[in-house]
């Protein structure tokens, strides 16, 4: 269920956020919802690296994404 939320935000920030949303093909509501979800998420997901947590919501990864497997594959390709 979705609920309407009214926010008071500096006009220049809203304008920049709308441009960002348009450039990333998402709605402003979707970005804000994902941000709120991320900051309120429980610490139970310890496996996700801090760098990945910073970009959550910006990059859409498949649900079955395995960070360890991808890192191993990347480093093997780079160093072998």
Protein backbone atom coordinates (compact mmCIF):
# COMPACT_ATOMS: atom_id res chain seq x y z
CA UNK A 1 0.00 0.00 0.00
CA UNK A 2 1.35 3.42 -0.89
CA UNK A 3 0.69 6.54 1.14
CA UNK A 4 1.08 10.16 0.13
CA UNK A 5 3.85 12.05 1.94
CA UNK A 6 4.31 15.81 1.97
CA UNK A 7 7.87 17.08 2.41
CA UNK A 8 9.36 20.53 2.73
CA UNK A 9 12.64 20.68 0.83
CA UNK A 10 14.76 23.53 -0.51
CA UNK A 11 13.57 24.40 -4.03
CA UNK A 12 17.03 24.12 -5.62
CA UNK A 13 17.46 20.63 -4.20
CA UNK A 14 14.09 19.54 -5.58
CA UNK A 15 15.01 20.89 -9.02
CA UNK A 16 18.36 19.04 -9.02
CA UNK A 17 16.66 15.88 -7.74
CA UNK A 18 14.07 15.99 -10.52
CA UNK A 19 16.84 16.29 -13.14
CA UNK A 20 18.69 13.39 -11.50
CA UNK A 21 15.52 11.27 -11.46
CA UNK A 22 14.84 12.00 -15.12
CA UNK A 23 18.43 11.19 -16.10
CA UNK A 24 18.30 7.86 -14.27
CA UNK A 25 14.87 6.91 -15.58
CA UNK A 26 13.20 6.85 -12.18
CA UNK A 27 10.63 8.92 -10.38
CA UNK A 28 11.51 11.18 -7.50
CA UNK A 29 9.12 9.17 -5.33
CA UNK A 30 10.98 5.95 -6.21
CA UNK A 31 14.34 7.49 -5.29
CA UNK A 32 13.07 8.81 -1.96
CA UNK A 33 11.32 5.53 -1.15
CA UNK A 34 14.50 3.55 -1.89
CA UNK A 35 16.55 5.94 0.24
CA UNK A 36 14.15 5.63 3.18
CA UNK A 37 14.12 1.86 2.78
CA UNK A 38 17.93 1.76 2.79
CA UNK A 39 18.42 3.91 5.89
CA UNK A 40 15.78 2.04 7.86
CA UNK A 41 16.93 -1.44 6.84
CA UNK A 42 18.09 -3.62 9.69
CA UNK A 43 21.79 -4.40 10.05
CA UNK A 44 21.00 -8.03 9.26
CA UNK A 45 22.56 -7.73 5.81
CA UNK A 46 26.21 -7.75 6.98
CA UNK A 47 27.44 -9.38 3.75
CA UNK A 48 26.96 -6.23 1.66
CA UNK A 49 30.12 -4.14 1.49
CA UNK A 50 30.06 -0.47 2.55
CA UNK A 51 30.90 0.61 -1.01
CA UNK A 52 27.94 -1.32 -2.38
CA UNK A 53 25.65 0.13 0.29
CA UNK A 54 26.56 3.64 -0.90
CA UNK A 55 25.23 2.90 -4.38
CA UNK A 56 22.16 0.92 -3.41
CA UNK A 57 19.28 2.50 -5.24
CA UNK A 58 21.54 3.97 -7.89
CA UNK A 59 22.51 0.67 -9.47
CA UNK A 60 19.84 -1.96 -9.92
CA UNK A 61 21.36 -5.41 -9.34
CA UNK A 62 19.60 -8.72 -9.85
CA UNK A 63 18.18 -10.30 -6.68
CA UNK A 64 20.57 -13.25 -7.06
CA UNK A 65 23.67 -11.01 -7.35
CA UNK A 66 26.64 -12.61 -5.58
CA UNK A 67 29.15 -9.90 -4.67
CA UNK A 68 31.88 -12.36 -3.62
CA UNK A 69 31.56 -14.32 -6.87
CA UNK A 70 31.68 -11.15 -8.98
CA UNK A 71 34.71 -9.78 -7.12
CA UNK A 72 36.54 -13.09 -7.49
CA UNK A 73 35.74 -13.17 -11.21
CA UNK A 74 36.88 -9.56 -11.64
CA UNK A 75 40.20 -10.08 -9.86
CA UNK A 76 40.88 -13.36 -11.66
CA UNK A 77 40.36 -11.62 -14.99
CA UNK A 78 42.51 -8.69 -13.98
CA UNK A 79 45.44 -10.58 -12.45
CA UNK A 80 45.53 -13.94 -14.24
